[in-house]
Amino acid sequence: MKWQDRRLLDLFGIEHPILQAPMAGVTSPQLCISTSEA
């Protein structure tokens, strides 16, 4: 996926943006551990 507007990325020097979906309330330590170990 290529970003159409890179102004914000260039401002902060971000080469590979990583976006996170909001998951407040549904995350747990076990989910974080499982994801990290995958």
PDB file of N, CA and C in Angstrom:
ATOM      1  N   MET A   1       0.845  -1.172   0.000  1.00  0.00           N
ATOM      2  CA  MET A   1       0.000   0.000   0.000  1.00  0.00           C
ATOM      3  C   MET A   1       0.892   1.237   0.000  1.00  0.00           C
ATOM      4  N   LYS A   2       0.596   2.149  -0.861  1.00  0.00           N
ATOM      5  CA  LYS A   2       1.386   3.372  -0.957  1.00  0.00           C
ATOM      6  C   LYS A   2       0.534   4.553  -0.498  1.00  0.00           C
ATOM      7  N   TRP A   3       1.108   5.358   0.363  1.00  0.00           N
ATOM      8  CA  TRP A   3       0.403   6.546   0.861  1.00  0.00           C
ATOM      9  C   TRP A   3       0.364   7.602  -0.230  1.00  0.00           C
ATOM     10  N   GLN A   4      -0.790   8.204  -0.417  1.00  0.00           N
ATOM     11  CA  GLN A   4      -0.943   9.243  -1.427  1.00  0.00           C
ATOM     12  C   GLN A   4      -0.311  10.558  -0.976  1.00  0.00           C
ATOM     13  N   ASP A   5      -0.473  10.897   0.295  1.00  0.00           N
ATOM     14  CA  ASP A   5       0.015  12.169   0.821  1.00  0.00           C
ATOM     15  C   ASP A   5       1.063  11.887   1.893  1.00  0.00           C
ATOM     16  N   ARG A   6       2.314  12.140   1.584  1.00  0.00           N
ATOM     17  CA  ARG A   6       3.417  11.797   2.480  1.00  0.00           C
ATOM     18  C   ARG A   6       3.882  12.966   3.348  1.00  0.00           C
ATOM     19  N   ARG A   7       3.160  14.071   3.367  1.00  0.00           N
ATOM     20  CA  ARG A   7       3.635  15.246   4.116  1.00  0.00           C
ATOM     21  C   ARG A   7       3.869  14.941   5.588  1.00  0.00           C
ATOM     22  N   LEU A   8       2.924  14.288   6.237  1.00  0.00           N
ATOM     23  CA  LEU A   8       3.066  13.970   7.655  1.00  0.00           C
ATOM     24  C   LEU A   8       4.180  12.950   7.882  1.00  0.00           C
ATOM     25  N   LEU A   9       4.263  11.961   7.004  1.00  0.00           N
ATOM     26  CA  LEU A   9       5.320  10.957   7.125  1.00  0.00           C
ATOM     27  C   LEU A   9       6.693  11.599   6.968  1.00  0.00           C
ATOM     28  N   ASP A  10       6.834  12.475   5.996  1.00  0.00           N
ATOM     29  CA  ASP A  10       8.113  13.148   5.774  1.00  0.00           C
ATOM     30  C   ASP A  10       8.460  14.085   6.925  1.00  0.00           C
ATOM     31  N   LEU A  11       7.459  14.749   7.498  1.00  0.00           N
ATOM     32  CA  LEU A  11       7.686  15.664   8.613  1.00  0.00           C
ATOM     33  C   LEU A  11       8.320  14.945   9.796  1.00  0.00           C
ATOM     34  N   PHE A  12       7.848  13.728  10.077  1.00  0.00           N
ATOM     35  CA  PHE A  12       8.356  12.967  11.213  1.00  0.00           C
ATOM     36  C   PHE A  12       9.428  11.950  10.829  1.00  0.00           C
ATOM     37  N   GLY A  13       9.772  11.895   9.552  1.00  0.00           N
ATOM     38  CA  GLY A  13      10.812  10.973   9.107  1.00  0.00           C
ATOM     39  C   GLY A  13      10.395   9.514   9.184  1.00  0.00           C
ATOM     40  N   ILE A  14       9.116   9.247   8.934  1.00  0.00           N
ATOM     41  CA  ILE A  14       8.591   7.884   9.008  1.00  0.00           C
ATOM     42  C   ILE A  14       8.683   7.239   7.634  1.00  0.00           C
ATOM     43  N   GLU A  15       9.408   6.133   7.549  1.00  0.00           N
ATOM     44  CA  GLU A  15       9.545   5.441   6.269  1.00  0.00           C
ATOM     45  C   GLU A  15       8.471   4.369   6.098  1.00  0.00           C
ATOM     46  N   HIS A  16       8.177   3.632   7.167  1.00  0.00           N
ATOM     47  CA  HIS A  16       7.195   2.550   7.118  1.00  0.00           C
ATOM     48  C   HIS A  16       6.140   2.784   8.196  1.00  0.00           C
ATOM     49  N   PRO A  17       5.031   3.452   7.858  1.00  0.00           N
ATOM     50  CA  PRO A  17       4.012   3.730   8.868  1.00  0.00           C
ATOM     51  C   PRO A  17       3.301   2.455   9.319  1.00  0.00           C
ATOM     52  N   ILE A  18       3.089   2.361  10.605  1.00  0.00           N
ATOM     53  CA  ILE A  18       2.357   1.236  11.183  1.00  0.00           C
ATOM     54  C   ILE A  18       1.139   1.813  11.889  1.00  0.00           C
ATOM     55  N   LEU A  19      -0.027   1.389  11.463  1.00  0.00           N
ATOM     56  CA  LEU A  19      -1.262   1.889  12.053  1.00  0.00           C
ATOM     57  C   LEU A  19      -1.848   0.845  12.980  1.00  0.00           C
ATOM     58  N   GLN A  20      -2.431   1.310  14.069  1.00  0.00           N
ATOM     59  CA  GLN A  20      -3.080   0.407  15.004  1.00  0.00           C
ATOM     60  C   GLN A  20      -4.560   0.747  15.068  1.00  0.00           C
ATOM     61  N   ALA A  21      -5.379  -0.279  15.022  1.00  0.00           N
ATOM     62  CA  ALA A  21      -6.808  -0.080  15.170  1.00  0.00           C
ATOM     63  C   ALA A  21      -7.131   0.091  16.648  1.00  0.00           C
ATOM     64  N   PRO A  22      -8.091   0.942  16.980  1.00  0.00           N
ATOM     65  CA  PRO A  22      -8.452   1.095  18.389  1.00  0.00           C
ATOM     66  C   PRO A  22      -9.076  -0.188  18.924  1.00  0.00           C
ATOM     67  N   MET A  23      -8.545  -0.695  20.013  1.00  0.00           N
ATOM     68  CA  MET A  23      -9.056  -1.937  20.601  1.00  0.00           C
ATOM     69  C   MET A  23      -9.241  -1.781  22.106  1.00  0.00           C
ATOM     70  N   ALA A  24      -9.579  -0.584  22.563  1.00  0.00           N
ATOM     71  CA  ALA A  24      -9.746  -0.351  23.993  1.00  0.00           C
ATOM     72  C   ALA A  24     -10.835  -1.263  24.550  1.00  0.00           C
ATOM     73  N   GLY A  25     -10.498  -1.940  25.611  1.00  0.00           N
ATOM     74  CA  GLY A  25     -11.473  -2.793  26.273  1.00  0.00           C
ATOM     75  C   GLY A  25     -11.465  -4.236  25.814  1.00  0.00           C
ATOM     76  N   VAL A  26     -10.870  -4.539  24.677  1.00  0.00           N
ATOM     77  CA  VAL A  26     -10.873  -5.925  24.198  1.00  0.00           C
ATOM     78  C   VAL A  26      -9.486  -6.536  24.201  1.00  0.00           C
ATOM     79  N   THR A  27      -8.500  -5.767  24.611  1.00  0.00           N
ATOM     80  CA  THR A  27      -7.150  -6.314  24.672  1.00  0.00           C
ATOM     81  C   THR A  27      -6.884  -6.896  26.049  1.00  0.00           C
ATOM     82  N   SER A  28      -5.973  -7.816  26.086  1.00  0.00           N
ATOM     83  CA  SER A  28      -5.569  -8.425  27.352  1.00  0.00           C
ATOM     84  C   SER A  28      -4.079  -8.731  27.262  1.00  0.00           C
ATOM     85  N   PRO A  29      -3.433  -8.949  28.382  1.00  0.00           N
ATOM     86  CA  PRO A  29      -2.025  -9.336  28.327  1.00  0.00           C
ATOM     87  C   PRO A  29      -1.809 -10.596  27.492  1.00  0.00           C
ATOM     88  N   GLN A  30      -2.722 -11.551  27.583  1.00  0.00           N
ATOM     89  CA  GLN A  30      -2.584 -12.791  26.820  1.00  0.00           C
ATOM     90  C   GLN A  30      -2.634 -12.522  25.316  1.00  0.00           C
ATOM     91  N   LEU A  31      -3.498 -11.624  24.882  1.00  0.00           N
ATOM     92  CA  LEU A  31      -3.568 -11.266  23.464  1.00  0.00           C
ATOM     93  C   LEU A  31      -2.258 -10.630  23.013  1.00  0.00           C
ATOM     94  N   CYS A  32      -1.702  -9.746  23.818  1.00  0.00           N
ATOM     95  CA  CYS A  32      -0.423  -9.107  23.479  1.00  0.00           C
ATOM     96  C   CYS A  32       0.696 -10.132  23.391  1.00  0.00           C
ATOM     97  N   ILE A  33       0.737 -11.051  24.336  1.00  0.00           N
ATOM     98  CA  ILE A  33       1.773 -12.084  24.340  1.00  0.00           C
ATOM     99  C   ILE A  33       1.637 -12.980  23.115  1.00  0.00           C
ATOM    100  N   SER A  34       0.426 -13.415  22.832  1.00  0.00           N
ATOM    101  CA  SER A  34       0.195 -14.304  21.689  1.00  0.00           C
ATOM    102  C   SER A  34       0.571 -13.628  20.376  1.00  0.00           C
ATOM    103  N   THR A  35       0.223 -12.365  20.241  1.00  0.00           N
ATOM    104  CA  THR A  35       0.542 -11.628  19.025  1.00  0.00           C
ATOM    105  C   THR A  35       2.044 -11.450  18.875  1.00  0.00           C
ATOM    106  N   SER A  36       2.717 -11.126  19.964  1.00  0.00           N
ATOM    107  CA  SER A  36       4.165 -10.919  19.919  1.00  0.00           C
ATOM    108  C   SER A  36       4.920 -12.197  19.590  1.00  0.00           C
ATOM    109  N   GLU A  37       4.409 -13.323  20.042  1.00  0.00           N
ATOM    110  CA  GLU A  37       5.086 -14.601  19.826  1.00  0.00           C
ATOM    111  C   GLU A  37       4.758 -15.234  18.481  1.00  0.00           C
ATOM    112  N   ALA A  38       3.784 -14.679  17.767  1.00  0.00           N
ATOM    113  CA  ALA A  38       3.374 -15.261  16.480  1.00  0.00           C
ATOM    114  C   ALA A  38       4.402 -15.010  15.408  1.00  0.00           C
TER     115      ALA A  38
END
